[in-house]
N, C-alpha and C. Protein backbone atom coordinates (compact mmCIF):
# COMPACT_ATOMS: atom_id res chain seq x y z
N MET A 1 -17.00 1.30 10.19
CA MET A 1 -16.79 2.44 11.04
C MET A 1 -17.11 3.68 10.21
N GLY A 2 -17.87 4.58 10.75
CA GLY A 2 -18.23 5.79 10.05
C GLY A 2 -17.06 6.75 9.93
N ARG A 3 -17.17 7.69 9.02
CA ARG A 3 -16.08 8.65 8.78
C ARG A 3 -15.80 9.51 10.03
N ILE A 4 -16.84 9.87 10.77
CA ILE A 4 -16.63 10.67 11.99
C ILE A 4 -15.88 9.83 13.01
N ALA A 5 -16.28 8.57 13.17
CA ALA A 5 -15.60 7.69 14.11
C ALA A 5 -14.15 7.46 13.67
N GLN A 6 -13.92 7.35 12.37
CA GLN A 6 -12.55 7.16 11.89
C GLN A 6 -11.70 8.39 12.18
N GLY A 7 -12.28 9.58 11.98
CA GLY A 7 -11.56 10.81 12.28
C GLY A 7 -11.19 10.91 13.74
N THR A 8 -12.10 10.49 14.61
CA THR A 8 -11.83 10.49 16.05
C THR A 8 -10.71 9.52 16.37
N LYS A 9 -10.72 8.33 15.74
CA LYS A 9 -9.68 7.34 15.95
C LYS A 9 -8.32 7.89 15.51
N VAL A 10 -8.28 8.54 14.37
CA VAL A 10 -7.03 9.10 13.85
C VAL A 10 -6.47 10.14 14.83
N LEU A 11 -7.33 11.02 15.32
CA LEU A 11 -6.89 12.02 16.29
C LEU A 11 -6.39 11.37 17.58
N ALA A 12 -7.13 10.40 18.08
CA ALA A 12 -6.78 9.74 19.34
C ALA A 12 -5.46 8.98 19.23
N GLU A 13 -5.16 8.43 18.06
CA GLU A 13 -3.95 7.62 17.90
C GLU A 13 -2.76 8.41 17.38
N GLY A 14 -2.92 9.71 17.20
CA GLY A 14 -1.78 10.54 16.84
C GLY A 14 -1.60 10.83 15.37
N GLY A 15 -2.60 10.58 14.55
CA GLY A 15 -2.52 10.92 13.13
C GLY A 15 -2.26 9.71 12.25
N HIS A 16 -2.48 9.92 10.95
CA HIS A 16 -2.32 8.83 9.98
C HIS A 16 -0.89 8.32 9.94
N ASP A 17 0.10 9.22 10.06
CA ASP A 17 1.49 8.80 9.99
C ASP A 17 1.82 7.80 11.11
N ARG A 18 1.39 8.10 12.31
CA ARG A 18 1.67 7.21 13.45
C ARG A 18 0.94 5.86 13.29
N ILE A 19 -0.31 5.90 12.82
CA ILE A 19 -1.07 4.66 12.59
C ILE A 19 -0.37 3.82 11.53
N PHE A 20 0.04 4.45 10.43
CA PHE A 20 0.74 3.75 9.35
C PHE A 20 2.02 3.10 9.86
N ARG A 21 2.83 3.84 10.59
CA ARG A 21 4.11 3.31 11.09
C ARG A 21 3.90 2.12 12.02
N ARG A 22 2.89 2.22 12.88
CA ARG A 22 2.61 1.14 13.82
C ARG A 22 2.06 -0.10 13.09
N ALA A 23 1.14 0.12 12.17
CA ALA A 23 0.49 -1.01 11.48
C ALA A 23 1.45 -1.76 10.56
N PHE A 24 2.39 -1.04 9.92
CA PHE A 24 3.25 -1.68 8.92
C PHE A 24 4.73 -1.67 9.28
N SER A 25 5.06 -1.33 10.52
CA SER A 25 6.46 -1.31 10.98
C SER A 25 7.35 -0.58 9.98
N ALA A 26 6.93 0.59 9.57
CA ALA A 26 7.66 1.37 8.57
C ALA A 26 8.96 1.91 9.17
N PRO A 27 10.08 1.80 8.42
CA PRO A 27 11.34 2.35 8.92
C PRO A 27 11.31 3.88 8.91
N PRO A 28 12.18 4.51 9.67
CA PRO A 28 12.17 5.98 9.78
C PRO A 28 12.35 6.71 8.45
N ASP A 29 13.07 6.10 7.49
CA ASP A 29 13.30 6.79 6.21
C ASP A 29 12.12 6.69 5.24
N GLU A 30 11.13 5.86 5.55
CA GLU A 30 9.94 5.76 4.70
C GLU A 30 8.96 6.86 5.10
N GLN A 31 8.58 7.68 4.16
CA GLN A 31 7.71 8.82 4.43
C GLN A 31 6.29 8.57 3.90
N LEU A 32 5.30 8.80 4.75
CA LEU A 32 3.91 8.70 4.31
C LEU A 32 3.58 9.94 3.49
N ARG A 33 3.10 9.74 2.27
CA ARG A 33 2.78 10.87 1.39
C ARG A 33 1.32 11.27 1.47
N LYS A 34 0.41 10.28 1.50
CA LYS A 34 -1.03 10.57 1.47
C LYS A 34 -1.78 9.38 2.02
N SER A 35 -2.97 9.64 2.56
CA SER A 35 -3.84 8.55 3.02
C SER A 35 -5.26 8.85 2.56
N TYR A 36 -5.99 7.81 2.22
CA TYR A 36 -7.35 7.94 1.70
C TYR A 36 -8.27 6.94 2.38
N ALA A 37 -9.44 7.40 2.80
CA ALA A 37 -10.47 6.48 3.29
C ALA A 37 -11.05 5.79 2.06
N CYS A 38 -11.20 4.47 2.13
CA CYS A 38 -11.71 3.74 0.96
C CYS A 38 -12.23 2.37 1.37
N TYR A 39 -12.74 1.66 0.38
CA TYR A 39 -13.14 0.27 0.53
C TYR A 39 -12.23 -0.57 -0.33
N LEU A 40 -11.80 -1.73 0.17
CA LEU A 40 -11.02 -2.67 -0.61
C LEU A 40 -11.94 -3.84 -0.94
N SER A 41 -12.04 -4.17 -2.20
CA SER A 41 -12.90 -5.27 -2.62
C SER A 41 -12.18 -6.60 -2.40
N THR A 42 -12.82 -7.51 -1.66
CA THR A 42 -12.26 -8.84 -1.42
C THR A 42 -13.28 -9.90 -1.80
N ALA A 43 -12.86 -11.14 -1.82
CA ALA A 43 -13.76 -12.24 -2.14
C ALA A 43 -14.89 -12.34 -1.10
N ALA A 44 -14.62 -11.89 0.13
CA ALA A 44 -15.62 -11.94 1.19
C ALA A 44 -16.51 -10.70 1.22
N GLY A 45 -16.23 -9.75 0.34
CA GLY A 45 -17.00 -8.52 0.30
C GLY A 45 -16.12 -7.32 0.56
N PRO A 46 -16.69 -6.12 0.49
CA PRO A 46 -15.88 -4.91 0.69
C PRO A 46 -15.41 -4.76 2.13
N VAL A 47 -14.20 -4.24 2.28
CA VAL A 47 -13.62 -3.99 3.60
C VAL A 47 -13.31 -2.50 3.67
N VAL A 48 -13.86 -1.82 4.67
CA VAL A 48 -13.63 -0.39 4.83
C VAL A 48 -12.32 -0.16 5.58
N GLY A 49 -11.54 0.82 5.12
CA GLY A 49 -10.27 1.10 5.76
C GLY A 49 -9.60 2.31 5.17
N VAL A 50 -8.28 2.32 5.27
CA VAL A 50 -7.48 3.45 4.80
C VAL A 50 -6.40 2.94 3.86
N LEU A 51 -6.26 3.62 2.72
CA LEU A 51 -5.21 3.34 1.75
C LEU A 51 -4.09 4.33 2.01
N TYR A 52 -2.88 3.83 2.22
CA TYR A 52 -1.72 4.67 2.51
C TYR A 52 -0.76 4.65 1.32
N LEU A 53 -0.28 5.81 0.92
CA LEU A 53 0.74 5.92 -0.12
C LEU A 53 2.00 6.48 0.52
N SER A 54 3.07 5.71 0.47
CA SER A 54 4.33 6.16 1.07
C SER A 54 5.41 6.19 0.00
N THR A 55 6.61 6.55 0.41
CA THR A 55 7.72 6.58 -0.52
C THR A 55 8.17 5.19 -0.94
N ALA A 56 7.74 4.16 -0.24
CA ALA A 56 8.18 2.80 -0.56
C ALA A 56 7.05 1.84 -0.91
N ARG A 57 5.81 2.15 -0.58
CA ARG A 57 4.74 1.17 -0.81
C ARG A 57 3.37 1.82 -0.85
N VAL A 58 2.43 1.01 -1.31
CA VAL A 58 1.01 1.30 -1.21
C VAL A 58 0.47 0.27 -0.23
N ALA A 59 -0.26 0.72 0.78
CA ALA A 59 -0.71 -0.19 1.84
C ALA A 59 -2.17 0.08 2.18
N PHE A 60 -2.86 -0.95 2.67
CA PHE A 60 -4.25 -0.83 3.10
C PHE A 60 -4.37 -1.50 4.46
N CYS A 61 -5.11 -0.86 5.36
CA CYS A 61 -5.41 -1.46 6.67
C CYS A 61 -6.88 -1.21 6.97
N SER A 62 -7.59 -2.25 7.37
CA SER A 62 -9.01 -2.10 7.70
C SER A 62 -9.18 -1.22 8.92
N ASP A 63 -10.34 -0.57 9.01
CA ASP A 63 -10.64 0.29 10.15
C ASP A 63 -10.76 -0.48 11.45
N GLY A 64 -11.26 -1.68 11.37
CA GLY A 64 -11.45 -2.50 12.56
C GLY A 64 -11.07 -3.94 12.26
N PRO A 65 -10.92 -4.75 13.30
CA PRO A 65 -10.58 -6.16 13.08
C PRO A 65 -11.74 -6.93 12.45
N LEU A 66 -11.38 -7.91 11.63
CA LEU A 66 -12.36 -8.79 10.98
C LEU A 66 -12.24 -10.18 11.57
N SER A 67 -13.35 -10.90 11.61
CA SER A 67 -13.32 -12.25 12.17
C SER A 67 -13.02 -13.27 11.08
N TYR A 68 -12.40 -14.37 11.50
CA TYR A 68 -12.13 -15.48 10.59
C TYR A 68 -12.07 -16.76 11.42
N GLU A 69 -12.30 -17.87 10.75
CA GLU A 69 -12.25 -19.17 11.42
C GLU A 69 -10.83 -19.70 11.38
N ALA A 70 -10.26 -19.96 12.55
CA ALA A 70 -8.90 -20.49 12.66
C ALA A 70 -8.99 -21.96 13.01
N GLY A 71 -8.15 -22.74 12.36
CA GLY A 71 -8.11 -24.17 12.65
C GLY A 71 -7.55 -24.43 14.03
N GLY A 72 -8.02 -25.43 14.65
CA GLY A 72 -7.58 -25.78 16.00
C GLY A 72 -6.33 -26.61 15.93
N GLY A 73 -5.86 -27.31 16.49
CA GLY A 73 -4.72 -28.19 16.39
C GLY A 73 -5.16 -29.54 16.84
N GLY A 74 -6.40 -29.81 16.74
CA GLY A 74 -6.96 -31.12 17.08
C GLY A 74 -7.05 -31.39 18.53
N GLY A 75 -6.91 -31.15 19.45
CA GLY A 75 -6.97 -31.59 20.78
C GLY A 75 -7.82 -30.74 21.65
N GLY A 76 -7.76 -30.92 22.87
CA GLY A 76 -8.63 -30.40 23.91
C GLY A 76 -9.10 -28.96 23.81
N GLY A 77 -9.68 -28.54 24.78
CA GLY A 77 -10.22 -27.20 24.93
C GLY A 77 -11.45 -26.95 24.10
N GLY A 78 -12.35 -26.37 24.22
CA GLY A 78 -13.42 -25.80 23.46
C GLY A 78 -14.16 -26.65 22.47
N GLY A 79 -14.58 -26.05 21.36
CA GLY A 79 -15.48 -26.66 20.37
C GLY A 79 -14.97 -27.98 19.84
N GLY A 80 -15.87 -28.89 19.58
CA GLY A 80 -15.54 -30.23 19.15
C GLY A 80 -14.80 -30.32 17.84
N ASP A 81 -14.98 -29.37 16.90
CA ASP A 81 -14.33 -29.49 15.60
C ASP A 81 -12.95 -28.85 15.57
N GLY A 82 -12.49 -28.25 16.65
CA GLY A 82 -11.16 -27.66 16.70
C GLY A 82 -11.05 -26.30 16.05
N HIS A 83 -12.15 -25.73 15.56
CA HIS A 83 -12.11 -24.40 14.95
C HIS A 83 -12.53 -23.35 15.97
N ARG A 84 -11.96 -22.18 15.84
CA ARG A 84 -12.33 -21.08 16.72
C ARG A 84 -12.34 -19.79 15.91
N THR A 85 -13.10 -18.83 16.35
CA THR A 85 -13.16 -17.54 15.69
C THR A 85 -12.07 -16.64 16.25
N GLU A 86 -11.28 -16.05 15.35
CA GLU A 86 -10.25 -15.10 15.75
C GLU A 86 -10.49 -13.79 15.04
N TRP A 87 -9.86 -12.74 15.53
CA TRP A 87 -10.03 -11.40 14.98
C TRP A 87 -8.68 -10.82 14.62
N SER A 88 -8.62 -10.14 13.47
CA SER A 88 -7.38 -9.52 13.05
C SER A 88 -7.69 -8.39 12.07
N TYR A 89 -6.84 -7.35 12.07
CA TYR A 89 -6.98 -6.29 11.08
C TYR A 89 -6.59 -6.86 9.72
N TYR A 90 -7.28 -6.41 8.69
CA TYR A 90 -6.98 -6.83 7.31
C TYR A 90 -5.92 -5.87 6.78
N LYS A 91 -4.73 -6.36 6.53
CA LYS A 91 -3.63 -5.52 6.06
C LYS A 91 -3.02 -6.14 4.81
N VAL A 92 -2.79 -5.31 3.81
CA VAL A 92 -2.08 -5.73 2.61
C VAL A 92 -1.18 -4.57 2.19
N TYR A 93 -0.10 -4.90 1.51
CA TYR A 93 0.74 -3.84 0.96
C TYR A 93 1.48 -4.34 -0.26
N TRP A 94 1.84 -3.39 -1.10
CA TRP A 94 2.57 -3.64 -2.33
C TRP A 94 3.73 -2.66 -2.33
N TYR A 95 4.95 -3.17 -2.52
CA TYR A 95 6.09 -2.27 -2.60
C TYR A 95 6.08 -1.55 -3.94
N SER A 96 6.62 -0.35 -3.94
CA SER A 96 6.68 0.43 -5.17
C SER A 96 7.56 -0.28 -6.19
N ILE A 97 7.39 0.05 -7.45
CA ILE A 97 8.16 -0.58 -8.50
C ILE A 97 9.65 -0.33 -8.29
N GLU A 98 10.01 0.85 -7.77
CA GLU A 98 11.43 1.14 -7.52
C GLU A 98 11.99 0.18 -6.47
N GLU A 99 11.23 -0.07 -5.40
CA GLU A 99 11.67 -0.99 -4.37
C GLU A 99 11.79 -2.41 -4.92
N GLN A 100 10.82 -2.82 -5.75
CA GLN A 100 10.86 -4.16 -6.33
C GLN A 100 12.06 -4.31 -7.25
N LEU A 101 12.32 -3.28 -8.07
CA LEU A 101 13.47 -3.35 -8.98
C LEU A 101 14.78 -3.36 -8.19
N ALA A 102 14.87 -2.58 -7.15
CA ALA A 102 16.08 -2.56 -6.34
C ALA A 102 16.32 -3.93 -5.71
N PHE A 103 15.25 -4.55 -5.19
CA PHE A 103 15.38 -5.88 -4.59
C PHE A 103 15.80 -6.89 -5.64
N SER A 104 15.13 -6.88 -6.80
CA SER A 104 15.45 -7.82 -7.87
C SER A 104 16.87 -7.62 -8.36
N ALA A 105 17.27 -6.37 -8.56
CA ALA A 105 18.61 -6.08 -9.03
C ALA A 105 19.65 -6.57 -8.02
N GLY A 106 19.39 -6.36 -6.75
CA GLY A 106 20.31 -6.82 -5.71
C GLY A 106 20.46 -8.32 -5.72
N ARG A 107 19.37 -9.03 -5.89
CA ARG A 107 19.43 -10.50 -5.94
C ARG A 107 20.18 -10.95 -7.18
N LEU A 108 19.91 -10.29 -8.32
CA LEU A 108 20.57 -10.69 -9.56
C LEU A 108 22.05 -10.34 -9.50
N HIS A 109 22.40 -9.19 -8.91
CA HIS A 109 23.81 -8.83 -8.76
C HIS A 109 24.54 -9.85 -7.90
N ALA A 110 23.86 -10.41 -6.91
CA ALA A 110 24.49 -11.43 -6.07
C ALA A 110 24.77 -12.69 -6.87
N LEU A 111 23.89 -13.00 -7.84
CA LEU A 111 24.06 -14.20 -8.66
C LEU A 111 25.00 -13.94 -9.83
N VAL A 112 24.92 -12.76 -10.45
CA VAL A 112 25.71 -12.41 -11.63
C VAL A 112 26.35 -11.05 -11.35
N PRO A 113 27.51 -11.02 -10.72
CA PRO A 113 28.10 -9.76 -10.28
C PRO A 113 28.37 -8.76 -11.41
N ARG A 114 28.59 -9.20 -12.64
CA ARG A 114 28.92 -8.28 -13.72
C ARG A 114 27.68 -7.72 -14.43
N ALA A 115 26.51 -8.10 -14.01
CA ALA A 115 25.29 -7.62 -14.66
C ALA A 115 25.14 -6.11 -14.45
N THR A 116 24.69 -5.43 -15.47
CA THR A 116 24.45 -3.99 -15.38
C THR A 116 22.97 -3.73 -15.59
N PHE A 117 22.41 -2.82 -14.80
CA PHE A 117 20.99 -2.53 -14.89
C PHE A 117 20.78 -1.06 -15.21
N PHE A 118 19.88 -0.80 -16.10
CA PHE A 118 19.53 0.56 -16.46
C PHE A 118 18.06 0.79 -16.13
N SER A 119 17.73 1.99 -15.75
CA SER A 119 16.34 2.32 -15.60
C SER A 119 16.11 3.63 -16.32
N SER A 120 14.97 3.76 -16.95
CA SER A 120 14.67 5.00 -17.66
C SER A 120 13.44 5.63 -17.04
N VAL A 121 13.44 6.90 -16.96
CA VAL A 121 12.30 7.64 -16.47
C VAL A 121 11.74 8.37 -17.66
N GLY A 122 10.49 8.05 -18.04
CA GLY A 122 9.93 8.62 -19.26
C GLY A 122 8.99 9.65 -19.04
């Protein structure tokens, strides 16, 4: 999708914040800080989309749906080999280190209640 077409899509859908919230089911307290048009390198080749930076994660969503071969379940309907082409947006995200540490600390506190955790900001 070209940059002009992407800009039109962003305007039509209510802005990057609304697209981000819908695509990643972001809770109300998570704030979108910045978004960047970019390509994500994958084994299948580059995927054009938007990189989102929020208070809790870094996320990527493709501009349009990508096709992939889905396995059938062996039985009736359609093609003889049971495979069909499906379409889906390519989405990935990574939680921020603070979120990961909070999750890990919470799990460890549940296992070892007396554990103490320190974090330093350098």
